[in-house]
N, C-alpha and C. Protein backbone atom coordinates (compact mmCIF):
# COMPACT_ATOMS: atom_id res chain seq x y z
N MET A 1 141.47 33.98 -0.08
CA MET A 1 141.11 32.80 -1.23
C MET A 1 141.36 31.34 0.14
N PRO A 2 142.40 31.41 0.87
CA PRO A 2 142.55 29.90 1.50
C PRO A 2 141.28 29.96 2.32
N ASP A 3 141.19 31.05 3.12
CA ASP A 3 139.56 31.07 4.01
C ASP A 3 138.56 30.94 3.01
N ARG A 4 138.08 31.52 2.23
CA ARG A 4 137.38 30.41 1.36
C ARG A 4 137.34 29.27 0.78
N LEU A 5 138.31 29.09 0.26
CA LEU A 5 138.64 27.34 -0.19
C LEU A 5 138.22 26.29 1.21
N ASN A 6 138.80 26.82 2.55
CA ASN A 6 138.62 26.02 3.75
C ASN A 6 136.97 25.86 3.77
N ARG A 7 136.96 27.26 4.08
CA ARG A 7 134.59 27.15 3.87
C ARG A 7 134.07 26.49 2.99
N PHE A 8 135.08 26.25 2.26
CA PHE A 8 134.20 25.14 0.97
C PHE A 8 134.42 24.16 1.51
N LYS A 9 135.53 23.60 1.97
CA LYS A 9 136.02 22.31 2.25
C LYS A 9 134.80 21.68 3.44
N THR A 10 135.43 22.52 4.20
CA THR A 10 134.47 22.41 5.50
C THR A 10 132.60 22.22 5.02
N PHE A 11 132.04 23.10 4.21
CA PHE A 11 130.90 23.12 4.17
C PHE A 11 130.54 21.33 3.23
N GLY A 12 131.79 21.34 2.35
CA GLY A 12 131.30 20.21 1.31
C GLY A 12 131.81 18.66 2.18
N ARG A 13 132.36 18.80 3.42
CA ARG A 13 132.73 17.73 4.52
C ARG A 13 131.21 17.43 5.11
N TYR A 14 130.78 18.43 5.38
CA TYR A 14 129.23 18.16 6.26
C TYR A 14 128.48 18.06 5.57
N TRP A 15 128.21 18.84 4.35
CA TRP A 15 126.77 18.96 3.62
C TRP A 15 126.80 17.98 2.22
N GLY A 16 128.48 17.73 1.84
CA GLY A 16 128.36 17.53 0.48
C GLY A 16 127.39 16.42 0.27
N LEU A 17 127.41 14.93 0.91
CA LEU A 17 126.59 14.22 0.90
C LEU A 17 125.32 14.05 1.09
N PRO A 18 124.40 15.26 1.86
CA PRO A 18 122.83 15.36 1.73
C PRO A 18 122.98 16.04 0.50
N LEU A 19 123.30 16.95 -0.17
CA LEU A 19 123.62 17.26 -1.35
C LEU A 19 123.48 16.29 -2.59
N LEU A 20 124.65 15.57 -2.51
CA LEU A 20 124.12 13.94 -3.32
C LEU A 20 123.73 13.59 -3.20
N LEU A 21 122.75 13.08 -2.07
CA LEU A 21 121.54 12.09 -2.50
C LEU A 21 120.58 12.71 -2.69
N SER A 22 120.12 14.29 -2.18
CA SER A 22 118.80 14.80 -2.48
C SER A 22 119.00 14.95 -4.15
N ALA A 23 119.95 15.34 -4.89
CA ALA A 23 119.98 15.64 -6.23
C ALA A 23 120.12 13.92 -7.18
N SER A 24 120.69 13.20 -6.45
CA SER A 24 120.32 11.72 -6.90
C SER A 24 118.76 11.18 -6.86
N LEU A 25 118.44 11.36 -5.63
CA LEU A 25 116.83 11.17 -5.44
C LEU A 25 115.70 11.71 -6.26
N LEU A 26 116.25 13.50 -6.83
CA LEU A 26 115.34 13.72 -7.44
C LEU A 26 115.66 13.72 -8.87
N LEU A 27 116.70 13.40 -9.07
CA LEU A 27 116.86 12.93 -10.93
C LEU A 27 116.15 11.60 -11.13
N VAL A 28 116.33 10.65 -10.14
CA VAL A 28 115.81 9.28 -10.34
C VAL A 28 113.76 9.79 -10.01
N TRP A 29 113.37 10.50 -9.61
CA TRP A 29 112.15 11.22 -9.70
C TRP A 29 111.80 11.82 -11.09
N VAL A 30 112.79 12.67 -11.95
CA VAL A 30 112.38 13.42 -12.94
C VAL A 30 112.42 12.03 -13.67
N LEU A 31 113.36 11.45 -13.83
CA LEU A 31 113.45 10.38 -14.85
C LEU A 31 112.33 9.39 -14.91
N GLY A 32 111.61 9.10 -13.88
CA GLY A 32 109.98 8.76 -14.09
C GLY A 32 110.37 7.35 -13.82
N GLU A 33 108.91 7.03 -14.71
CA GLU A 33 108.79 5.40 -14.56
C GLU A 33 109.84 4.32 -14.96
N PRO A 34 110.26 4.90 -16.23
CA PRO A 34 111.21 3.96 -16.73
C PRO A 34 112.65 3.72 -15.57
N ALA A 35 113.01 4.81 -15.11
CA ALA A 35 114.10 4.39 -13.73
C ALA A 35 113.63 3.99 -12.64
N ALA A 36 112.36 4.48 -12.55
CA ALA A 36 111.73 3.46 -11.01
C ALA A 36 111.64 2.02 -11.54
N GLU A 37 111.03 1.49 -12.77
CA GLU A 37 111.17 -0.24 -12.96
C GLU A 37 112.00 -0.71 -12.91
N LEU A 38 113.51 0.11 -13.83
CA LEU A 38 114.59 -0.60 -13.55
C LEU A 38 115.03 -0.69 -12.45
N LEU A 39 115.17 0.53 -11.01
CA LEU A 39 116.13 0.27 -9.93
C LEU A 39 114.89 -0.21 -8.83
N MET A 40 113.81 -0.56 -8.97
CA MET A 40 113.02 -0.34 -7.37
C MET A 40 113.77 -2.10 -7.16
N TYR A 41 113.10 -2.30 -5.90
CA TYR A 41 113.21 -3.19 -5.09
C TYR A 41 112.21 -4.47 -5.79
N GLN A 42 112.49 -5.40 -6.73
CA GLN A 42 111.47 -6.56 -7.26
C GLN A 42 112.09 -7.77 -6.93
N ARG A 43 111.37 -8.52 -5.84
CA ARG A 43 112.04 -9.68 -5.93
C ARG A 43 111.94 -10.80 -6.75
N PHE A 44 111.27 -10.71 -7.53
CA PHE A 44 111.71 -11.78 -8.48
C PHE A 44 112.67 -11.34 -9.58
N ASP A 45 112.85 -10.31 -9.60
CA ASP A 45 114.12 -9.55 -11.06
C ASP A 45 115.37 -9.57 -10.18
N ILE A 46 115.13 -9.83 -8.73
CA ILE A 46 116.14 -9.70 -7.96
C ILE A 46 116.90 -11.28 -8.37
N GLN A 47 116.07 -12.07 -8.21
CA GLN A 47 116.17 -13.75 -7.93
C GLN A 47 116.58 -14.02 -9.58
N SER A 48 116.12 -13.21 -10.50
CA SER A 48 116.66 -13.46 -12.02
C SER A 48 118.27 -12.68 -12.51
N GLY A 49 118.84 -11.95 -11.35
CA GLY A 49 120.04 -11.57 -11.51
C GLY A 49 120.49 -10.60 -11.36
N GLN A 50 119.39 -9.60 -11.49
CA GLN A 50 119.42 -7.94 -11.62
C GLN A 50 119.49 -7.47 -9.92
N ILE A 51 120.87 -7.76 -9.71
CA ILE A 51 121.39 -7.84 -7.96
C ILE A 51 121.62 -6.22 -7.47
N TRP A 52 121.67 -5.26 -8.99
CA TRP A 52 121.94 -4.00 -8.43
C TRP A 52 120.40 -3.30 -7.61
N ARG A 53 119.42 -4.06 -7.67
CA ARG A 53 118.02 -3.28 -7.24
C ARG A 53 118.47 -3.43 -5.58
N LEU A 54 119.60 -3.98 -5.49
CA LEU A 54 119.21 -4.29 -3.58
C LEU A 54 119.78 -3.14 -3.30
N ALA A 55 120.88 -2.13 -4.14
CA ALA A 55 121.36 -1.33 -3.66
C ALA A 55 120.81 -0.11 -4.00
N THR A 56 119.86 0.33 -5.49
CA THR A 56 119.16 1.17 -5.69
C THR A 56 117.57 1.41 -5.56
N ALA A 57 116.88 0.28 -4.64
CA ALA A 57 115.47 0.34 -4.75
C ALA A 57 115.37 1.49 -3.42
N HIS A 58 116.32 1.99 -3.04
CA HIS A 58 115.99 3.24 -1.89
C HIS A 58 115.95 4.77 -2.69
N TRP A 59 116.18 4.63 -4.06
CA TRP A 59 116.68 5.84 -4.63
C TRP A 59 115.07 6.30 -5.25
N VAL A 60 114.16 5.04 -5.44
CA VAL A 60 112.66 5.69 -5.98
C VAL A 60 111.85 5.78 -4.97
N HIS A 61 111.22 7.04 -5.72
CA HIS A 61 109.67 7.19 -4.76
C HIS A 61 108.76 6.91 -5.81
N LEU A 62 107.47 6.78 -5.17
CA LEU A 62 106.40 5.97 -5.58
C LEU A 62 105.19 7.73 -6.14
N SER A 63 105.70 8.89 -5.37
CA SER A 63 104.94 9.85 -5.57
C SER A 63 105.36 11.16 -5.15
N PHE A 64 105.12 12.41 -5.56
CA PHE A 64 106.44 13.47 -5.12
C PHE A 64 105.84 13.35 -3.75
N GLN A 65 105.07 13.36 -3.08
CA GLN A 65 104.84 13.77 -1.55
C GLN A 65 106.25 12.83 -0.76
N HIS A 66 106.13 11.55 -1.29
CA HIS A 66 107.17 10.47 -0.92
C HIS A 66 108.34 10.97 -1.02
N LEU A 67 108.58 11.05 -2.28
CA LEU A 67 110.12 12.08 -2.39
C LEU A 67 109.70 13.42 -1.45
N LEU A 68 109.27 13.99 -1.66
CA LEU A 68 109.40 15.29 -0.53
C LEU A 68 109.34 15.54 1.04
N LEU A 69 108.88 14.44 1.28
CA LEU A 69 108.88 13.55 2.98
C LEU A 69 110.20 13.22 3.30
N ASN A 70 110.88 12.64 2.54
CA ASN A 70 111.74 12.15 2.50
C ASN A 70 113.11 13.10 2.38
N LEU A 71 112.83 13.76 1.17
CA LEU A 71 114.13 15.20 1.51
C LEU A 71 113.81 15.98 2.30
N MET A 72 113.07 16.04 3.31
CA MET A 72 112.78 16.68 4.44
C MET A 72 113.24 15.82 5.41
N SER A 73 112.90 15.32 5.66
CA SER A 73 113.85 13.94 6.73
C SER A 73 115.42 13.84 6.88
N LEU A 74 115.83 13.81 5.76
CA LEU A 74 117.31 13.45 5.23
C LEU A 74 117.59 15.24 5.90
N ALA A 75 117.16 16.12 5.32
CA ALA A 75 117.72 17.32 5.85
C ALA A 75 117.81 17.40 7.58
N LEU A 76 116.64 17.14 8.09
CA LEU A 76 116.53 16.93 9.73
C LEU A 76 117.27 16.56 9.88
N ALA A 77 117.53 14.93 9.50
CA ALA A 77 118.64 14.34 10.51
C ALA A 77 120.06 14.83 9.90
N TRP A 78 120.37 15.37 9.13
CA TRP A 78 121.67 15.98 8.61
C TRP A 78 121.68 16.99 9.71
N TRP A 79 120.73 18.18 9.67
CA TRP A 79 120.79 19.47 10.61
C TRP A 79 121.19 18.71 12.33
N LEU A 80 120.55 17.73 12.54
CA LEU A 80 120.51 17.16 13.97
C LEU A 80 122.38 16.62 14.10
N PHE A 81 122.25 15.84 12.98
CA PHE A 81 123.74 15.11 13.38
C PHE A 81 124.56 15.06 12.52
N HIS A 82 124.83 16.37 11.49
CA HIS A 82 125.72 16.72 10.57
C HIS A 82 127.18 16.15 10.93
N GLN A 83 127.66 16.44 12.22
CA GLN A 83 129.23 16.42 12.46
C GLN A 83 129.07 14.87 13.30
N ALA A 84 128.33 14.34 13.32
CA ALA A 84 128.27 12.55 13.44
C ALA A 84 128.35 11.95 12.60
N LEU A 85 127.97 12.41 11.13
CA LEU A 85 127.43 11.59 10.04
C LEU A 85 128.13 12.46 8.59
N ALA A 86 129.23 13.37 9.21
CA ALA A 86 130.09 13.54 8.21
C ALA A 86 130.93 13.11 7.74
N GLY A 87 131.46 13.44 6.04
CA GLY A 87 132.86 12.53 5.51
C GLY A 87 132.52 11.29 5.37
N PHE A 88 133.27 10.34 5.54
CA PHE A 88 133.36 9.24 4.93
C PHE A 88 132.40 8.44 6.06
N THR A 89 132.31 8.59 7.01
CA THR A 89 131.13 7.95 7.74
C THR A 89 129.93 7.61 7.08
N GLY A 90 129.06 9.06 6.23
CA GLY A 90 128.06 9.15 6.01
C GLY A 90 128.00 7.88 5.12
N TYR A 91 129.23 8.46 3.62
CA TYR A 91 128.88 7.48 3.00
C TYR A 91 129.14 6.40 2.82
N LEU A 92 129.77 5.57 3.83
CA LEU A 92 129.31 4.48 4.40
C LEU A 92 128.44 3.77 5.39
N LEU A 93 128.05 4.46 6.00
CA LEU A 93 126.53 4.36 6.09
C LEU A 93 125.58 4.02 5.59
N THR A 94 125.32 4.99 4.21
CA THR A 94 124.58 5.05 3.52
C THR A 94 124.94 3.49 2.51
N GLY A 95 126.04 2.99 2.21
CA GLY A 95 125.85 2.15 1.77
C GLY A 95 125.09 0.83 2.62
N LEU A 96 126.06 1.00 3.78
CA LEU A 96 125.32 -0.18 4.58
C LEU A 96 124.08 -0.51 4.85
N ILE A 97 123.74 0.88 5.55
CA ILE A 97 122.04 0.79 5.54
C ILE A 97 120.98 0.18 4.66
N SER A 98 121.39 0.90 3.02
CA SER A 98 121.16 0.73 2.24
C SER A 98 120.99 -0.74 1.92
N LEU A 99 122.21 -1.57 1.53
CA LEU A 99 122.60 -3.32 1.59
C LEU A 99 121.30 -3.83 2.45
N GLY A 100 121.92 -3.32 3.89
CA GLY A 100 121.37 -4.14 5.16
C GLY A 100 119.88 -4.40 5.06
N VAL A 101 119.04 -3.22 4.78
CA VAL A 101 117.40 -3.17 4.52
C VAL A 101 117.06 -4.05 3.35
N THR A 102 117.74 -3.63 2.43
CA THR A 102 117.38 -4.91 1.23
C THR A 102 117.40 -6.30 1.02
N LEU A 103 118.77 -6.17 1.69
CA LEU A 103 119.13 -7.97 1.95
C LEU A 103 118.65 -8.58 3.02
N SER A 104 117.83 -7.76 4.07
CA SER A 104 117.23 -8.27 5.24
C SER A 104 115.73 -8.63 4.50
N LEU A 105 115.65 -8.08 3.75
CA LEU A 105 113.78 -8.05 3.14
C LEU A 105 114.01 -9.53 2.17
N PHE A 106 115.06 -9.22 1.74
CA PHE A 106 115.33 -10.68 0.35
C PHE A 106 115.09 -11.60 1.13
N VAL A 107 115.84 -11.74 1.86
CA VAL A 107 116.64 -13.24 3.18
C VAL A 107 115.36 -13.49 3.99
N LEU A 108 114.75 -12.72 4.70
CA LEU A 108 113.54 -12.59 5.84
C LEU A 108 112.35 -12.82 5.07
N HIS A 109 112.28 -12.13 4.53
CA HIS A 109 110.74 -11.84 3.89
C HIS A 109 110.34 -12.09 2.74
N PRO A 110 110.20 -13.62 2.40
CA PRO A 110 109.69 -13.79 0.69
C PRO A 110 109.00 -13.25 0.64
N ASP A 111 107.99 -12.97 1.40
CA ASP A 111 106.84 -12.45 1.08
C ASP A 111 106.45 -10.77 0.74
N ILE A 112 107.54 -10.36 0.67
CA ILE A 112 107.16 -8.98 0.12
C ILE A 112 108.07 -9.04 -1.40
N GLY A 113 107.45 -8.69 -1.98
CA GLY A 113 107.48 -8.78 -3.42
C GLY A 113 108.26 -7.41 -4.05
N TRP A 114 108.19 -6.10 -3.24
CA TRP A 114 108.59 -5.33 -4.06
C TRP A 114 108.50 -4.11 -3.10
N TYR A 115 109.63 -3.21 -3.30
CA TYR A 115 109.96 -1.94 -1.78
C TYR A 115 110.58 -0.70 -2.94
N ALA A 116 110.01 0.60 -2.52
CA ALA A 116 111.09 1.56 -3.06
C ALA A 116 110.68 2.67 -1.71
N GLY A 117 111.88 3.60 -1.83
CA GLY A 117 111.89 4.68 -1.10
C GLY A 117 113.06 4.40 0.06
N PHE A 118 113.66 6.23 0.45
CA PHE A 118 114.41 5.88 1.49
C PHE A 118 114.50 6.48 2.93
N SER A 119 113.16 5.93 3.59
CA SER A 119 113.05 5.97 4.86
C SER A 119 113.84 5.06 5.56
N GLY A 120 114.03 3.70 5.24
CA GLY A 120 114.91 3.07 6.17
C GLY A 120 116.01 3.76 6.61
N VAL A 121 116.58 3.93 5.42
CA VAL A 121 118.15 4.31 5.22
C VAL A 121 117.84 5.79 6.34
N LEU A 122 116.97 6.64 5.86
CA LEU A 122 116.76 8.05 6.89
C LEU A 122 116.63 7.36 8.44
N HIS A 123 116.15 6.56 8.67
CA HIS A 123 115.68 6.00 10.26
C HIS A 123 116.78 5.46 10.49
N GLY A 124 118.01 4.75 9.97
CA GLY A 124 119.56 4.24 10.15
C GLY A 124 120.03 5.80 10.43
N PHE A 125 120.14 6.57 9.51
CA PHE A 125 120.80 7.50 9.96
C PHE A 125 120.42 8.49 11.36
N LEU A 126 119.25 8.73 11.76
CA LEU A 126 118.77 8.79 12.68
C LEU A 126 119.42 8.38 14.07
N VAL A 127 119.58 6.81 14.05
CA VAL A 127 119.51 5.97 15.11
C VAL A 127 121.68 5.99 15.24
N ALA A 128 122.19 6.31 14.06
CA ALA A 128 123.53 5.96 14.13
C ALA A 128 123.91 7.47 14.49
N GLY A 129 123.42 8.80 14.05
CA GLY A 129 123.77 9.89 14.31
C GLY A 129 123.64 10.21 15.94
N ALA A 130 122.41 9.93 16.13
CA ALA A 130 121.92 10.20 18.24
C ALA A 130 123.40 8.89 18.91
N LEU A 131 123.51 7.47 18.04
CA LEU A 131 124.52 7.16 19.12
C LEU A 131 125.68 7.99 18.94
N LEU A 132 126.07 8.03 18.32
CA LEU A 132 127.72 8.72 17.53
C LEU A 132 127.38 9.98 18.06
N SER A 133 126.60 10.68 18.58
CA SER A 133 126.64 12.04 19.15
C SER A 133 126.45 12.07 20.88
N ARG A 134 126.03 10.62 21.35
CA ARG A 134 125.94 10.75 22.35
C ARG A 134 126.61 11.70 23.39
N ARG A 135 127.68 11.41 23.30
CA ARG A 135 128.87 12.25 24.20
C ARG A 135 128.59 13.88 23.96
N GLN A 136 128.32 13.78 23.11
CA GLN A 136 128.66 15.42 22.69
C GLN A 136 127.05 16.04 23.08
N ASN A 137 125.64 15.58 22.53
CA ASN A 137 124.59 16.15 23.16
C ASN A 137 124.03 14.74 23.56
N PRO A 138 124.19 14.96 24.63
CA PRO A 138 123.38 13.48 25.35
C PRO A 138 122.05 13.81 25.24
N MET A 139 121.17 14.62 25.34
CA MET A 139 119.74 15.14 25.48
C MET A 139 119.71 15.23 24.06
N LEU A 140 119.83 15.31 23.04
CA LEU A 140 119.13 15.53 21.99
C LEU A 140 119.18 14.22 21.36
N SER A 141 120.45 13.48 21.40
CA SER A 141 120.74 11.72 21.73
C SER A 141 119.40 10.91 22.16
N LEU A 142 119.49 11.24 23.00
CA LEU A 142 118.21 10.44 24.00
C LEU A 142 117.07 10.56 23.23
N ALA A 143 116.63 12.17 23.11
CA ALA A 143 115.35 12.18 22.85
C ALA A 143 115.16 11.70 21.38
N THR A 144 116.07 11.68 20.49
CA THR A 144 116.07 11.20 19.18
C THR A 144 115.69 9.35 19.07
N LEU A 145 116.51 8.64 20.15
CA LEU A 145 116.75 7.38 20.20
C LEU A 145 114.84 7.32 20.82
N LEU A 146 114.49 8.08 21.78
CA LEU A 146 113.20 7.33 22.46
C LEU A 146 112.44 8.02 21.06
N ILE A 147 112.33 8.70 20.55
CA ILE A 147 111.09 9.03 19.51
C ILE A 147 111.34 8.20 18.18
N VAL A 148 112.02 7.60 17.70
CA VAL A 148 112.45 6.44 16.70
C VAL A 148 112.22 5.23 17.46
N ALA A 149 112.34 5.09 18.79
CA ALA A 149 111.70 3.61 19.68
C ALA A 149 110.39 3.32 19.43
N ILE A 150 109.81 4.89 19.88
CA ILE A 150 108.51 4.73 20.35
C ILE A 150 107.44 4.72 19.19
N LYS A 151 108.11 5.61 17.60
CA LYS A 151 107.60 5.10 17.10
C LYS A 151 107.64 4.04 15.88
N LEU A 152 108.51 3.29 16.13
CA LEU A 152 108.55 2.04 15.36
C LEU A 152 107.83 0.74 16.11
N VAL A 153 107.72 1.00 17.39
CA VAL A 153 107.10 0.09 18.46
C VAL A 153 105.28 0.21 18.18
N ILE A 154 105.07 1.57 18.22
CA ILE A 154 103.61 1.88 17.56
C ILE A 154 103.24 1.02 16.33
N GLU A 155 104.37 1.79 15.44
CA GLU A 155 103.79 0.84 13.84
C GLU A 155 104.28 -1.25 14.32
N LEU A 156 104.65 -0.79 14.71
CA LEU A 156 104.68 -2.80 14.88
C LEU A 156 103.24 -3.46 15.40
N VAL A 157 102.91 -2.45 16.42
CA VAL A 157 102.16 -3.26 17.29
C VAL A 157 100.74 -2.51 16.27
N ARG A 158 100.30 -0.91 15.79
CA ARG A 158 99.33 -1.21 15.39
C ARG A 158 99.23 -0.74 13.60
N GLY A 159 100.43 -0.84 13.22
CA GLY A 159 100.35 -0.95 11.76
C GLY A 159 100.99 0.65 11.13
N ALA A 160 101.32 0.90 10.37
CA ALA A 160 101.65 2.56 9.50
C ALA A 160 100.34 2.95 10.00
N GLU A 161 100.89 4.40 10.30
CA GLU A 161 99.58 5.45 10.02
C GLU A 161 99.13 5.65 8.67
N PRO A 162 97.77 5.13 8.24
CA PRO A 162 96.98 5.25 7.54
C PRO A 162 97.19 6.57 6.49
N GLY A 163 96.53 7.58 7.40
CA GLY A 163 96.62 8.67 6.61
C GLY A 163 98.26 9.25 6.20
N LEU A 164 99.26 8.47 6.47
CA LEU A 164 100.23 8.82 5.99
C LEU A 164 100.45 8.28 4.19
N ALA A 165 100.15 6.92 4.60
CA ALA A 165 100.40 5.99 3.77
C ALA A 165 99.23 6.98 2.38
N GLU A 166 98.57 7.13 2.84
CA GLU A 166 97.28 8.13 1.61
C GLU A 166 97.80 8.98 1.38
N PHE A 167 98.45 10.01 2.38
CA PHE A 167 99.30 11.24 1.92
C PHE A 167 100.84 10.96 0.76
N ILE A 168 101.32 9.83 1.16
CA ILE A 168 102.28 9.49 0.06
C ILE A 168 102.35 8.96 -0.96
N ASN A 169 100.74 8.33 -0.76
CA ASN A 169 100.23 7.41 -2.19
C ASN A 169 100.84 6.40 -1.99
N SER A 170 100.93 5.30 -1.27
CA SER A 170 102.02 4.22 -1.43
C SER A 170 102.05 3.47 -0.10
N PRO A 171 101.89 2.18 0.17
CA PRO A 171 101.90 1.62 1.50
C PRO A 171 103.44 1.76 2.21
N ILE A 172 103.08 1.83 3.24
CA ILE A 172 104.68 1.51 4.26
C ILE A 172 104.96 0.68 4.55
N LEU A 173 106.53 0.35 4.24
CA LEU A 173 107.26 -0.82 4.89
C LEU A 173 107.67 -1.10 5.76
N ILE A 174 107.13 -1.23 7.28
CA ILE A 174 107.55 -0.96 8.46
C ILE A 174 109.17 -1.68 8.87
N HIS A 175 109.00 -2.89 8.11
CA HIS A 175 110.59 -3.63 8.23
C HIS A 175 111.21 -2.94 7.60
N ALA A 176 111.29 -1.93 6.74
CA ALA A 176 112.49 -1.42 6.15
C ALA A 176 112.86 -0.28 7.25
N HIS A 177 112.01 0.24 8.09
CA HIS A 177 112.29 1.24 9.15
C HIS A 177 112.89 0.60 10.24
N VAL A 178 112.23 -0.44 10.29
CA VAL A 178 113.12 -1.44 11.56
C VAL A 178 114.50 -2.20 11.41
N TYR A 179 114.67 -2.20 10.27
CA TYR A 179 116.05 -2.95 9.69
C TYR A 179 116.84 -1.40 9.64
N GLY A 180 116.14 -0.67 8.97
CA GLY A 180 117.20 0.61 8.78
C GLY A 180 118.00 1.26 10.23
N ALA A 181 116.81 1.13 11.22
CA ALA A 181 117.56 1.66 12.46
C ALA A 181 118.23 0.66 13.14
N LEU A 182 118.30 -0.55 13.15
CA LEU A 182 119.06 -1.59 13.41
C LEU A 182 120.23 -1.37 13.08
N PHE A 183 120.21 -1.49 11.70
CA PHE A 183 121.81 -1.41 10.92
C PHE A 183 122.29 -0.37 11.32
N GLY A 184 121.84 0.70 11.00
CA GLY A 184 122.55 2.08 11.93
C GLY A 184 122.86 1.98 13.25
N GLY A 185 121.79 1.49 14.13
CA GLY A 185 122.61 1.28 15.72
C GLY A 185 123.93 0.22 15.66
N LEU A 186 123.75 -0.88 14.37
CA LEU A 186 124.80 -1.58 15.03
C LEU A 186 126.17 -0.64 14.32
N TYR A 187 125.84 -0.21 13.21
CA TYR A 187 127.24 0.43 13.08
C TYR A 187 128.01 1.31 13.86
N ALA A 188 126.89 2.31 14.64
CA ALA A 188 127.15 3.22 15.62
C ALA A 188 127.88 2.51 16.86
N ILE A 189 127.22 1.32 17.51
CA ILE A 189 128.21 0.55 18.42
C ILE A 189 129.01 -0.06 17.89
N CYS A 190 129.34 -0.40 16.52
CA CYS A 190 130.56 -1.07 16.49
C CYS A 190 131.65 -0.12 16.40
N MET A 191 131.23 1.03 16.00
CA MET A 191 131.98 2.23 15.40
C MET A 191 132.93 2.74 17.09
N ARG A 192 131.91 3.04 18.41
CA ARG A 192 131.97 3.24 19.61
C ARG A 192 133.05 2.08 19.95
N GLY A 193 132.74 0.88 19.90
CA GLY A 193 133.43 -0.26 20.23
C GLY A 193 134.99 0.02 19.92
N ALA A 194 135.09 0.20 18.70
CA ALA A 194 136.53 0.55 17.83
C ALA A 194 137.55 1.50 17.89
N SER A 195 136.64 2.76 18.47
CA SER A 195 137.26 4.05 18.82
C SER A 195 137.72 3.73 20.06
N PRO A 196 139.30 4.76 20.19
CA PRO A 196 139.62 4.72 21.38
C PRO A 196 139.02 5.57 22.51
N ARG A 197 138.98 5.09 24.07
CA ARG A 197 138.08 5.81 24.81
C ARG A 197 138.73 7.12 25.32
């Protein structure tokens, strides 16, 4: 019995957050348009006092393909870096990246009226996971950072892949990806600087 309990605790520590995130993303999708209207980033509504949208916008998806792509990306990020993102780190990262992305959009991009989706947070998870894992798995970390960096540069220079926007039936907000990666990286650098050598 103790072995089973220990296995359950270990599983919960490493996989509890992605399961919780997946369930909550699915729940918001199932609740449909009323939930989306209440939770998504809407600049005018935030200015009117609905500040919860800064935290909840990431849970809204505009098509099932959009949701499915982000769920698969979440599973990939956690499969690659579950040890670095486990426990309190993952919860803290989720909050910091979520607020970092939407606050950046709100302060720096008054022209952006609305936003929805988890992809900005996912970019943050990948960058933070790669940086926090660089000593344990340097090749995987370097490859991940290079792929994310190249993807972001291409998006910034050429714009988002039109085929992807068509597939998910939603415009792609590159700024969210950039800010997500930035806040994930800042978190990892701060944590590495604060930890003993």
